[in-house]
Amino acid sequence: MEAIDRNSMGSVPDTSCQKDECPKTLDAGMVQLTQGLAWHFKRYAHEQPEEQREQYSFTEYEARAKRVGLWRDPHPIPPWEWRKHK
């Protein structure tokens, strides 16, 4: 796999592609959001293309509405909040 870009924190975004098949992408972040395994981290949303930002927000909204993954918990704690208290 080949990283496409880095965000302002120096992290590699979840969108990546196989070197030989680069028009086909696997958006690991979208998969995690769909399954309720992640938050859409809005603090860095401005770094996403507008279409992707809207898709991520809507996908998180759907996961919350379906109460899948971490959204089964009535009071899930975002990782950035959890880290503050550790």
Foldseek 3Di string as FASTA:
>chain_A
DDFDDAAPVRHGAQWDDDPVPVVDIDRVLLVCLQQVNAAPPVVRLVVDPPVVSVSRVVSNVVCLVVCGDQNVDVDRDHPVRVVVVD
